[in-house]
Amino acid sequence: MAKAQKNKATFEDQLIRLESVIELLDRGETPIDEMMKLYEEGMQLLQSARSYLQATEQKITVLQSTYTPPVSSQKEGNAAKEDDQFLF
């Protein structure tokens, strides 16, 4: 049941939980067995966050390539000539 809840948690919720896991581990007051469980949970949260960010980055790349009009080589050539005029 806990894993199903983790999968439904938002990215922000996962980051909040990861921060709390890190705080618990940094305190060093937790028994070693519990620390190992927290460490494992933290690594799973980290992997999930990385995967989410990579997928989001890919979506952004696709959206940019889909909705950004291509620059024609003719316009680029004219722009370069106009830039050269200001150099002298």
N, C-alpha and C. Protein backbone atom coordinates (compact mmCIF):
# COMPACT_ATOMS: atom_id res chain seq x y z
N MET A 1 0.82 -1.19 0.00
CA MET A 1 0.00 0.00 0.00
C MET A 1 0.86 1.25 0.00
N ALA A 2 1.98 1.24 0.72
CA ALA A 2 2.85 2.42 0.79
C ALA A 2 3.44 2.75 -0.58
N LYS A 3 3.80 1.72 -1.35
CA LYS A 3 4.36 1.97 -2.68
C LYS A 3 3.33 2.59 -3.61
N ALA A 4 2.09 2.17 -3.52
CA ALA A 4 1.05 2.74 -4.36
C ALA A 4 0.86 4.21 -4.04
N GLN A 5 0.96 4.58 -2.78
CA GLN A 5 0.83 5.98 -2.40
C GLN A 5 2.01 6.80 -2.90
N LYS A 6 3.21 6.24 -2.87
CA LYS A 6 4.39 6.95 -3.36
C LYS A 6 4.27 7.25 -4.84
N ASN A 7 3.75 6.30 -5.62
CA ASN A 7 3.62 6.48 -7.05
C ASN A 7 2.61 7.56 -7.39
N LYS A 8 1.61 7.77 -6.53
CA LYS A 8 0.59 8.77 -6.78
C LYS A 8 0.97 10.14 -6.23
N ALA A 9 2.03 10.21 -5.45
CA ALA A 9 2.45 11.47 -4.86
C ALA A 9 2.97 12.39 -5.97
N THR A 10 2.72 13.67 -5.79
CA THR A 10 3.22 14.62 -6.77
C THR A 10 4.74 14.75 -6.64
N PHE A 11 5.34 15.37 -7.63
CA PHE A 11 6.78 15.61 -7.61
C PHE A 11 7.15 16.42 -6.37
N GLU A 12 6.36 17.43 -6.08
CA GLU A 12 6.62 18.29 -4.94
C GLU A 12 6.50 17.51 -3.63
N ASP A 13 5.50 16.64 -3.54
CA ASP A 13 5.33 15.81 -2.35
C ASP A 13 6.54 14.89 -2.15
N GLN A 14 7.04 14.35 -3.25
CA GLN A 14 8.20 13.47 -3.17
C GLN A 14 9.43 14.25 -2.70
N LEU A 15 9.59 15.48 -3.17
CA LEU A 15 10.73 16.28 -2.72
C LEU A 15 10.64 16.61 -1.24
N ILE A 16 9.44 16.91 -0.77
CA ILE A 16 9.24 17.20 0.65
C ILE A 16 9.60 15.97 1.48
N ARG A 17 9.15 14.80 1.04
CA ARG A 17 9.46 13.57 1.77
C ARG A 17 10.96 13.30 1.73
N LEU A 18 11.59 13.52 0.58
CA LEU A 18 13.02 13.30 0.47
C LEU A 18 13.78 14.22 1.43
N GLU A 19 13.36 15.45 1.54
CA GLU A 19 14.00 16.38 2.48
C GLU A 19 13.86 15.89 3.92
N SER A 20 12.68 15.37 4.27
CA SER A 20 12.49 14.88 5.63
C SER A 20 13.33 13.62 5.89
N VAL A 21 13.46 12.77 4.89
CA VAL A 21 14.31 11.58 5.03
C VAL A 21 15.76 12.01 5.25
N ILE A 22 16.21 12.98 4.49
CA ILE A 22 17.58 13.47 4.63
C ILE A 22 17.81 14.04 6.03
N GLU A 23 16.84 14.81 6.51
CA GLU A 23 16.96 15.38 7.86
C GLU A 23 17.06 14.28 8.91
N LEU A 24 16.23 13.26 8.79
CA LEU A 24 16.27 12.15 9.76
C LEU A 24 17.62 11.44 9.72
N LEU A 25 18.14 11.23 8.52
CA LEU A 25 19.43 10.55 8.39
C LEU A 25 20.56 11.43 8.93
N ASP A 26 20.48 12.73 8.69
CA ASP A 26 21.53 13.64 9.16
C ASP A 26 21.59 13.73 10.68
N ARG A 27 20.47 13.58 11.34
CA ARG A 27 20.44 13.65 12.80
C ARG A 27 21.26 12.52 13.43
N GLY A 28 21.21 11.36 12.80
CA GLY A 28 21.96 10.22 13.31
C GLY A 28 21.39 9.61 14.58
N GLU A 29 20.16 9.95 14.91
CA GLU A 29 19.53 9.45 16.13
C GLU A 29 18.68 8.20 15.88
N THR A 30 18.52 7.83 14.65
CA THR A 30 17.66 6.71 14.28
C THR A 30 18.46 5.41 14.36
N PRO A 31 17.85 4.32 14.83
CA PRO A 31 18.54 3.03 14.84
C PRO A 31 18.98 2.63 13.42
N ILE A 32 20.05 1.91 13.35
CA ILE A 32 20.68 1.57 12.06
C ILE A 32 19.72 0.87 11.10
N ASP A 33 18.88 -0.04 11.61
CA ASP A 33 17.93 -0.73 10.73
C ASP A 33 16.95 0.26 10.10
N GLU A 34 16.49 1.20 10.91
CA GLU A 34 15.57 2.21 10.40
C GLU A 34 16.29 3.15 9.42
N MET A 35 17.56 3.45 9.72
CA MET A 35 18.34 4.30 8.81
C MET A 35 18.49 3.65 7.44
N MET A 36 18.67 2.35 7.42
CA MET A 36 18.80 1.64 6.14
C MET A 36 17.49 1.72 5.35
N LYS A 37 16.37 1.59 6.04
CA LYS A 37 15.07 1.70 5.37
C LYS A 37 14.87 3.12 4.84
N LEU A 38 15.25 4.11 5.64
CA LEU A 38 15.13 5.50 5.21
C LEU A 38 16.04 5.78 4.02
N TYR A 39 17.26 5.25 4.07
CA TYR A 39 18.20 5.43 2.96
C TYR A 39 17.63 4.84 1.68
N GLU A 40 17.09 3.64 1.78
CA GLU A 40 16.50 3.00 0.60
C GLU A 40 15.33 3.83 0.07
N GLU A 41 14.48 4.30 0.96
CA GLU A 41 13.35 5.13 0.54
C GLU A 41 13.85 6.41 -0.13
N GLY A 42 14.88 7.00 0.45
CA GLY A 42 15.44 8.22 -0.13
C GLY A 42 16.00 7.98 -1.52
N MET A 43 16.67 6.87 -1.72
CA MET A 43 17.22 6.56 -3.04
C MET A 43 16.10 6.33 -4.05
N GLN A 44 15.02 5.68 -3.62
CA GLN A 44 13.87 5.48 -4.51
C GLN A 44 13.22 6.81 -4.87
N LEU A 45 13.08 7.70 -3.89
CA LEU A 45 12.52 9.02 -4.15
C LEU A 45 13.41 9.81 -5.11
N LEU A 46 14.71 9.71 -4.91
CA LEU A 46 15.66 10.40 -5.78
C LEU A 46 15.56 9.89 -7.21
N GLN A 47 15.48 8.58 -7.36
CA GLN A 47 15.35 7.98 -8.70
C GLN A 47 14.05 8.43 -9.37
N SER A 48 12.99 8.46 -8.60
CA SER A 48 11.70 8.89 -9.13
C SER A 48 11.75 10.35 -9.56
N ALA A 49 12.37 11.19 -8.76
CA ALA A 49 12.49 12.61 -9.10
C ALA A 49 13.34 12.81 -10.35
N ARG A 50 14.44 12.09 -10.45
CA ARG A 50 15.29 12.18 -11.65
C ARG A 50 14.52 11.75 -12.90
N SER A 51 13.80 10.66 -12.79
CA SER A 51 13.02 10.17 -13.94
C SER A 51 11.98 11.19 -14.36
N TYR A 52 11.32 11.78 -13.38
CA TYR A 52 10.30 12.79 -13.68
C TYR A 52 10.93 14.00 -14.37
N LEU A 53 12.06 14.45 -13.86
CA LEU A 53 12.72 15.60 -14.47
C LEU A 53 13.23 15.30 -15.88
N GLN A 54 13.75 14.11 -16.10
CA GLN A 54 14.20 13.73 -17.44
C GLN A 54 13.03 13.67 -18.41
N ALA A 55 11.91 13.10 -17.98
CA ALA A 55 10.73 13.03 -18.84
C ALA A 55 10.20 14.43 -19.14
N THR A 56 10.23 15.29 -18.14
CA THR A 56 9.76 16.66 -18.33
C THR A 56 10.68 17.40 -19.30
N GLU A 57 11.97 17.21 -19.17
CA GLU A 57 12.92 17.84 -20.08
C GLU A 57 12.69 17.37 -21.52
N GLN A 58 12.42 16.08 -21.70
CA GLN A 58 12.14 15.56 -23.04
C GLN A 58 10.87 16.17 -23.61
N LYS A 59 9.85 16.32 -22.78
CA LYS A 59 8.59 16.93 -23.24
C LYS A 59 8.83 18.37 -23.68
N ILE A 60 9.62 19.10 -22.90
CA ILE A 60 9.92 20.49 -23.24
C ILE A 60 10.67 20.56 -24.57
N THR A 61 11.62 19.67 -24.76
CA THR A 61 12.38 19.64 -26.01
C THR A 61 11.46 19.38 -27.19
N VAL A 62 10.54 18.43 -27.04
CA VAL A 62 9.59 18.13 -28.11
C VAL A 62 8.69 19.32 -28.38
N LEU A 63 8.19 19.95 -27.32
CA LEU A 63 7.33 21.11 -27.49
C LEU A 63 8.07 22.25 -28.18
N GLN A 64 9.31 22.48 -27.79
CA GLN A 64 10.08 23.55 -28.42
C GLN A 64 10.30 23.27 -29.90
N SER A 65 10.64 22.04 -30.22
CA SER A 65 10.89 21.72 -31.63
C SER A 65 9.59 21.73 -32.43
N THR A 66 8.48 21.43 -31.79
CA THR A 66 7.19 21.43 -32.48
C THR A 66 6.67 22.84 -32.73
N TYR A 67 6.83 23.72 -31.76
CA TYR A 67 6.20 25.02 -31.83
C TYR A 67 7.15 26.18 -32.18
N THR A 68 8.44 25.92 -32.30
CA THR A 68 9.37 26.96 -32.69
C THR A 68 9.55 26.89 -34.20
N PRO A 69 9.23 27.98 -34.90
CA PRO A 69 9.36 27.95 -36.35
C PRO A 69 10.83 27.86 -36.75
N PRO A 70 11.11 27.14 -37.80
CA PRO A 70 12.49 27.03 -38.26
C PRO A 70 12.97 28.38 -38.81
N VAL A 71 14.25 28.66 -38.61
CA VAL A 71 14.84 29.88 -39.14
C VAL A 71 15.37 29.56 -40.53
N SER A 72 14.93 30.33 -41.50
CA SER A 72 15.38 30.05 -42.87
C SER A 72 16.81 30.54 -43.03
N SER A 73 17.55 29.89 -43.91
CA SER A 73 18.94 30.26 -44.13
C SER A 73 19.04 31.63 -44.78
N GLN A 74 18.02 32.03 -45.54
CA GLN A 74 18.04 33.34 -46.17
C GLN A 74 17.98 34.44 -45.11
N LYS A 75 17.13 34.28 -44.12
CA LYS A 75 17.04 35.26 -43.05
C LYS A 75 18.34 35.31 -42.25
N GLU A 76 18.95 34.15 -42.04
CA GLU A 76 20.21 34.11 -41.30
C GLU A 76 21.29 34.87 -42.06
N GLY A 77 21.34 34.69 -43.36
CA GLY A 77 22.33 35.38 -44.18
C GLY A 77 22.13 36.88 -44.14
N ASN A 78 20.89 37.34 -44.24
CA ASN A 78 20.60 38.76 -44.17
C ASN A 78 20.93 39.34 -42.80
N ALA A 79 20.65 38.59 -41.76
CA ALA A 79 20.94 39.05 -40.41
C ALA A 79 22.45 39.19 -40.22
N ALA A 80 23.21 38.26 -40.76
CA ALA A 80 24.66 38.32 -40.65
C ALA A 80 25.20 39.54 -41.39
N LYS A 81 24.63 39.85 -42.56
CA LYS A 81 25.08 41.02 -43.33
C LYS A 81 24.74 42.29 -42.57
N GLU A 82 23.57 42.35 -41.95
CA GLU A 82 23.18 43.53 -41.18
C GLU A 82 24.09 43.72 -39.97
N ASP A 83 24.45 42.62 -39.33
CA ASP A 83 25.35 42.69 -38.18
C ASP A 83 26.72 43.22 -38.59
N ASP A 84 27.18 42.81 -39.76
CA ASP A 84 28.50 43.25 -40.25
C ASP A 84 28.53 44.76 -40.47
N GLN A 85 27.41 45.37 -40.82
CA GLN A 85 27.35 46.80 -41.09
C GLN A 85 27.68 47.59 -39.82
N PHE A 86 27.35 47.06 -38.68
CA PHE A 86 27.55 47.79 -37.43
C PHE A 86 28.95 47.61 -36.86
N LEU A 87 29.73 46.75 -37.44
CA LEU A 87 31.06 46.53 -36.94
C LEU A 87 32.02 47.64 -37.36
N PHE A 88 31.70 48.38 -38.41
CA PHE A 88 32.64 49.39 -38.94
C PHE A 88 32.12 50.78 -38.76
